[in-house]
Amino acid sequence: MHPIEKASKDRESLAKEYGVPVSSVVWIGDNKYIVVKEGREIRI
């Protein structure tokens, strides 16, 4: 699977897990993400 395809699936999964829209999940590379929830950044 291409890294961008994997990141897209991971973003959808994280969005569901944290109860936020997919647009609130940012892929920063190397399998790392930032989830923005209630004005806070959660680094994963």
Protein backbone atom coordinates (compact mmCIF):
# COMPACT_ATOMS: atom_id res chain seq x y z
CA MET A 1 0.00 0.00 0.00
CA HIS A 2 1.26 3.45 -0.91
CA PRO A 3 2.16 5.64 2.15
CA ILE A 4 -0.44 8.27 1.22
CA GLU A 5 -3.16 5.60 0.96
CA LYS A 6 -2.16 4.26 4.38
CA ALA A 7 -2.18 7.77 5.85
CA SER A 8 -5.66 8.37 4.46
CA LYS A 9 -6.99 5.20 6.09
CA ASP A 10 -5.19 6.01 9.35
CA ARG A 11 -6.70 9.52 9.36
CA GLU A 12 -10.21 8.08 8.97
CA SER A 13 -9.58 5.59 11.77
CA LEU A 14 -8.15 8.23 14.12
CA ALA A 15 -11.02 10.61 13.36
CA LYS A 16 -13.54 7.95 14.42
CA GLU A 17 -11.51 7.03 17.50
CA TYR A 18 -11.26 10.65 18.71
CA GLY A 19 -14.73 11.73 17.55
CA VAL A 20 -13.49 14.48 15.22
CA PRO A 21 -13.84 15.16 11.48
CA VAL A 22 -11.13 13.74 9.22
CA SER A 23 -10.02 17.33 8.52
CA SER A 24 -8.96 17.56 12.19
CA VAL A 25 -6.35 14.82 11.70
CA VAL A 26 -3.06 15.92 10.12
CA TRP A 27 -0.45 13.47 8.85
CA ILE A 28 3.04 14.81 9.61
CA GLY A 29 4.95 11.90 8.10
CA ASP A 30 6.69 8.80 9.42
CA ASN A 31 3.38 7.38 10.72
CA LYS A 32 2.90 10.41 12.99
CA TYR A 33 -0.28 12.45 13.24
CA ILE A 34 -1.72 15.45 15.02
CA VAL A 35 -5.37 15.32 16.09
CA VAL A 36 -6.96 18.67 16.85
CA LYS A 37 -9.79 18.28 19.33
CA GLU A 38 -11.45 21.08 21.28
CA GLY A 39 -8.63 23.47 20.39
CA ARG A 40 -5.90 21.13 21.64
CA GLU A 41 -3.27 19.26 19.65
CA ILE A 42 -2.85 15.58 20.40
CA ARG A 43 0.33 14.15 18.89
CA ILE A 44 0.20 10.50 17.92
